[in-house]
């Protein structure tokens, strides 16, 4: 079976000289866990364009910069499907510390509300399986100026 392409976005900002990463939870569905924005790459879509689309659909953010691809790997999901994952570092300058957004991409997310907030350290929250795999690269891999 061909791997499923997935694009992940580590969305970052600097607040009070502290690098932070955007995460979210599903409102009213605690078992969904805390996640970073991600989604499936569509047919004939680049992973770069996919991560830009997913960030807009899932977060409601319109202004951000996709800086670079920080990792690509193959990973087996709990259902046995193999994912070809692409992790991007994204920089935004949003001033909100938290907000809610209803994703616009359709599918399984229809009718859900995502609650967004920022974290500044690896152990601050427990991200769902696979979402923290490269968090250390983002939080420890650069200076505040990145």
C-alpha atoms as a PDB file:
ATOM      1  CA  UNK A   1       0.000   0.000   0.000  1.00  0.00           C
ATOM      2  CA  UNK A   2       1.282   3.454  -0.934  1.00  0.00           C
ATOM      3  CA  UNK A   3       2.036   5.755   2.035  1.00  0.00           C
ATOM      4  CA  UNK A   4      -0.463   8.546   2.751  1.00  0.00           C
ATOM      5  CA  UNK A   5       1.170  11.972   2.494  1.00  0.00           C
ATOM      6  CA  UNK A   6       0.562  14.216   5.522  1.00  0.00           C
ATOM      7  CA  UNK A   7       1.663  17.819   6.058  1.00  0.00           C
ATOM      8  CA  UNK A   8       2.229  19.064   9.625  1.00  0.00           C
ATOM      9  CA  UNK A   9       2.752  22.655  10.730  1.00  0.00           C
ATOM     10  CA  UNK A  10       4.732  23.768  13.762  1.00  0.00           C
ATOM     11  CA  UNK A  11       3.397  27.320  13.893  1.00  0.00           C
ATOM     12  CA  UNK A  12       5.668  29.550  15.930  1.00  0.00           C
ATOM     13  CA  UNK A  13       5.715  33.050  17.334  1.00  0.00           C
ATOM     14  CA  UNK A  14       7.930  34.971  19.743  1.00  0.00           C
ATOM     15  CA  UNK A  15       6.271  36.573  22.746  1.00  0.00           C
ATOM     16  CA  UNK A  16       8.247  38.282  25.501  1.00  0.00           C
ATOM     17  CA  UNK A  17      11.442  36.838  23.993  1.00  0.00           C
ATOM     18  CA  UNK A  18      10.054  33.296  24.295  1.00  0.00           C
ATOM     19  CA  UNK A  19       9.583  31.063  21.255  1.00  0.00           C
ATOM     20  CA  UNK A  20       6.126  29.447  21.333  1.00  0.00           C
ATOM     21  CA  UNK A  21       4.359  26.777  19.272  1.00  0.00           C
ATOM     22  CA  UNK A  22       0.643  26.771  18.490  1.00  0.00           C
ATOM     23  CA  UNK A  23      -1.393  23.734  19.584  1.00  0.00           C
ATOM     24  CA  UNK A  24      -5.091  22.960  19.853  1.00  0.00           C
ATOM     25  CA  UNK A  25      -7.682  20.709  21.428  1.00  0.00           C
ATOM     26  CA  UNK A  26     -11.142  19.751  20.183  1.00  0.00           C
ATOM     27  CA  UNK A  27     -13.746  21.592  22.251  1.00  0.00           C
ATOM     28  CA  UNK A  28     -15.823  19.045  24.156  1.00  0.00           C
ATOM     29  CA  UNK A  29     -13.804  16.044  22.911  1.00  0.00           C
ATOM     30  CA  UNK A  30     -10.916  15.576  25.374  1.00  0.00           C
ATOM     31  CA  UNK A  31     -10.114  12.108  24.006  1.00  0.00           C
ATOM     32  CA  UNK A  32      -8.949  13.756  20.743  1.00  0.00           C
ATOM     33  CA  UNK A  33      -5.938  15.069  22.658  1.00  0.00           C
ATOM     34  CA  UNK A  34      -3.775  18.094  22.010  1.00  0.00           C
ATOM     35  CA  UNK A  35      -2.500  18.429  18.456  1.00  0.00           C
ATOM     36  CA  UNK A  36      -0.676  20.603  15.954  1.00  0.00           C
ATOM     37  CA  UNK A  37      -2.305  21.524  12.631  1.00  0.00           C
ATOM     38  CA  UNK A  38      -1.933  18.828   9.997  1.00  0.00           C
ATOM     39  CA  UNK A  39      -3.756  17.151   7.189  1.00  0.00           C
ATOM     40  CA  UNK A  40      -3.666  14.934   4.162  1.00  0.00           C
ATOM     41  CA  UNK A  41      -1.897  16.158   1.032  1.00  0.00           C
ATOM     42  CA  UNK A  42      -4.342  16.161  -1.869  1.00  0.00           C
ATOM     43  CA  UNK A  43      -3.619  14.552  -5.265  1.00  0.00           C
ATOM     44  CA  UNK A  44      -1.284  16.773  -7.327  1.00  0.00           C
ATOM     45  CA  UNK A  45      -0.752  19.120  -4.348  1.00  0.00           C
ATOM     46  CA  UNK A  46       2.734  19.891  -3.053  1.00  0.00           C
ATOM     47  CA  UNK A  47       3.363  19.346   0.641  1.00  0.00           C
ATOM     48  CA  UNK A  48       4.208  23.067   0.909  1.00  0.00           C
ATOM     49  CA  UNK A  49       0.816  24.070  -0.524  1.00  0.00           C
ATOM     50  CA  UNK A  50      -0.895  21.443   1.629  1.00  0.00           C
ATOM     51  CA  UNK A  51       0.541  22.803   4.879  1.00  0.00           C
ATOM     52  CA  UNK A  52      -0.472  26.350   3.873  1.00  0.00           C
ATOM     53  CA  UNK A  53      -4.017  25.160   3.114  1.00  0.00           C
ATOM     54  CA  UNK A  54      -4.294  23.136   6.318  1.00  0.00           C
ATOM     55  CA  UNK A  55      -3.075  26.019   8.489  1.00  0.00           C
ATOM     56  CA  UNK A  56      -5.679  28.354   6.992  1.00  0.00           C
ATOM     57  CA  UNK A  57      -8.499  25.788   7.240  1.00  0.00           C
ATOM     58  CA  UNK A  58      -7.732  24.570  10.748  1.00  0.00           C
ATOM     59  CA  UNK A  59      -6.568  27.755  12.497  1.00  0.00           C
ATOM     60  CA  UNK A  60      -8.235  30.611  10.649  1.00  0.00           C
ATOM     61  CA  UNK A  61      -4.835  32.329  10.380  1.00  0.00           C
ATOM     62  CA  UNK A  62      -4.339  34.189   7.108  1.00  0.00           C
ATOM     63  CA  UNK A  63      -0.938  35.804   7.615  1.00  0.00           C
ATOM     64  CA  UNK A  64       2.042  33.533   8.208  1.00  0.00           C
ATOM     65  CA  UNK A  65       5.302  32.469   6.575  1.00  0.00           C
ATOM     66  CA  UNK A  66       6.186  28.859   5.821  1.00  0.00           C
ATOM     67  CA  UNK A  67       9.900  28.970   6.633  1.00  0.00           C
ATOM     68  CA  UNK A  68      11.245  25.515   5.860  1.00  0.00           C
ATOM     69  CA  UNK A  69      10.738  21.778   5.837  1.00  0.00           C
ATOM     70  CA  UNK A  70      12.308  20.543   9.064  1.00  0.00           C
ATOM     71  CA  UNK A  71      11.702  16.809   8.699  1.00  0.00           C
ATOM     72  CA  UNK A  72      10.306  14.105   6.456  1.00  0.00           C
ATOM     73  CA  UNK A  73       9.729  10.560   7.599  1.00  0.00           C
ATOM     74  CA  UNK A  74       7.637   7.412   7.261  1.00  0.00           C
ATOM     75  CA  UNK A  75       5.506   6.563  10.270  1.00  0.00           C
ATOM     76  CA  UNK A  76       2.975   3.837  11.040  1.00  0.00           C
ATOM     77  CA  UNK A  77      -0.352   5.045  12.395  1.00  0.00           C
ATOM     78  CA  UNK A  78      -2.308   3.083  15.000  1.00  0.00           C
ATOM     79  CA  UNK A  79      -4.573   1.719  12.256  1.00  0.00           C
ATOM     80  CA  UNK A  80      -1.560   0.277  10.418  1.00  0.00           C
ATOM     81  CA  UNK A  81      -1.543   2.868   7.626  1.00  0.00           C
ATOM     82  CA  UNK A  82       1.886   4.208   6.733  1.00  0.00           C
ATOM     83  CA  UNK A  83       2.146   7.992   6.569  1.00  0.00           C
ATOM     84  CA  UNK A  84       4.821   9.883   4.676  1.00  0.00           C
ATOM     85  CA  UNK A  85       4.987  12.900   6.996  1.00  0.00           C
ATOM     86  CA  UNK A  86       6.310  16.367   6.168  1.00  0.00           C
ATOM     87  CA  UNK A  87       6.897  18.751   9.094  1.00  0.00           C
ATOM     88  CA  UNK A  88       7.198  22.467   8.371  1.00  0.00           C
ATOM     89  CA  UNK A  89       8.253  25.382  10.540  1.00  0.00           C
ATOM     90  CA  UNK A  90       5.830  28.271  10.166  1.00  0.00           C
ATOM     91  CA  UNK A  91       6.167  31.757  11.642  1.00  0.00           C
ATOM     92  CA  UNK A  92       3.233  34.003  12.468  1.00  0.00           C
ATOM     93  CA  UNK A  93       2.867  37.178  14.454  1.00  0.00           C
ATOM     94  CA  UNK A  94      -0.616  36.675  15.860  1.00  0.00           C
ATOM     95  CA  UNK A  95      -1.149  38.580  19.096  1.00  0.00           C
ATOM     96  CA  UNK A  96      -3.971  36.403  20.439  1.00  0.00           C
ATOM     97  CA  UNK A  97      -2.970  34.071  23.240  1.00  0.00           C
ATOM     98  CA  UNK A  98      -5.921  31.777  22.598  1.00  0.00           C
ATOM     99  CA  UNK A  99      -8.935  31.529  20.302  1.00  0.00           C
ATOM    100  CA  UNK A 100     -11.526  29.154  18.920  1.00  0.00           C
ATOM    101  CA  UNK A 101     -12.047  28.312  15.253  1.00  0.00           C
ATOM    102  CA  UNK A 102     -14.334  25.998  13.332  1.00  0.00           C
ATOM    103  CA  UNK A 103     -12.257  24.340  10.612  1.00  0.00           C
ATOM    104  CA  UNK A 104     -13.351  24.997   7.041  1.00  0.00           C
ATOM    105  CA  UNK A 105     -11.880  21.971   5.262  1.00  0.00           C
ATOM    106  CA  UNK A 106     -14.940  19.749   5.595  1.00  0.00           C
ATOM    107  CA  UNK A 107     -14.762  16.022   6.183  1.00  0.00           C
ATOM    108  CA  UNK A 108     -14.436  14.656   9.714  1.00  0.00           C
ATOM    109  CA  UNK A 109     -13.795  18.141  11.131  1.00  0.00           C
ATOM    110  CA  UNK A 110     -17.191  19.547  10.092  1.00  0.00           C
ATOM    111  CA  UNK A 111     -19.073  20.886  13.094  1.00  0.00           C
ATOM    112  CA  UNK A 112     -16.066  20.762  15.407  1.00  0.00           C
ATOM    113  CA  UNK A 113     -14.522  23.686  17.233  1.00  0.00           C
ATOM    114  CA  UNK A 114     -10.778  23.841  17.804  1.00  0.00           C
ATOM    115  CA  UNK A 115      -9.393  25.700  20.829  1.00  0.00           C
ATOM    116  CA  UNK A 116      -5.949  27.163  20.111  1.00  0.00           C
ATOM    117  CA  UNK A 117      -3.240  28.143  22.589  1.00  0.00           C
ATOM    118  CA  UNK A 118       0.557  28.439  22.692  1.00  0.00           C
ATOM    119  CA  UNK A 119       3.183  26.322  24.435  1.00  0.00           C
ATOM    120  CA  UNK A 120       6.817  27.184  25.097  1.00  0.00           C
ATOM    121  CA  UNK A 121       8.372  23.909  26.244  1.00  0.00           C
ATOM    122  CA  UNK A 122       8.383  20.265  25.273  1.00  0.00           C
ATOM    123  CA  UNK A 123       6.863  18.926  28.495  1.00  0.00           C
ATOM    124  CA  UNK A 124       4.218  21.618  28.875  1.00  0.00           C
ATOM    125  CA  UNK A 125       1.463  19.456  27.345  1.00  0.00           C
ATOM    126  CA  UNK A 126       1.195  15.901  26.061  1.00  0.00           C
ATOM    127  CA  UNK A 127       0.655  16.040  22.320  1.00  0.00           C
ATOM    128  CA  UNK A 128      -1.072  13.122  20.613  1.00  0.00           C
ATOM    129  CA  UNK A 129       1.123  10.343  19.276  1.00  0.00           C
ATOM    130  CA  UNK A 130       3.428  11.561  16.527  1.00  0.00           C
ATOM    131  CA  UNK A 131       2.750  15.279  16.860  1.00  0.00           C
ATOM    132  CA  UNK A 132       5.693  16.037  19.161  1.00  0.00           C
ATOM    133  CA  UNK A 133       8.228  14.023  17.155  1.00  0.00           C
ATOM    134  CA  UNK A 134      10.119  17.124  15.962  1.00  0.00           C
ATOM    135  CA  UNK A 135       8.988  19.666  18.549  1.00  0.00           C
ATOM    136  CA  UNK A 136      12.483  19.677  20.060  1.00  0.00           C
ATOM    137  CA  UNK A 137      13.928  20.716  16.686  1.00  0.00           C
ATOM    138  CA  UNK A 138      11.635  23.749  16.643  1.00  0.00           C
ATOM    139  CA  UNK A 139      11.926  24.778  20.305  1.00  0.00           C
ATOM    140  CA  UNK A 140      15.619  24.052  20.821  1.00  0.00           C
ATOM    141  CA  UNK A 141      16.945  24.256  17.296  1.00  0.00           C
ATOM    142  CA  UNK A 142      16.991  28.001  16.854  1.00  0.00           C
ATOM    143  CA  UNK A 143      17.477  31.276  18.608  1.00  0.00           C
ATOM    144  CA  UNK A 144      14.653  33.651  19.467  1.00  0.00           C
ATOM    145  CA  UNK A 145      15.370  35.565  16.260  1.00  0.00           C
ATOM    146  CA  UNK A 146      14.203  32.750  13.966  1.00  0.00           C
END
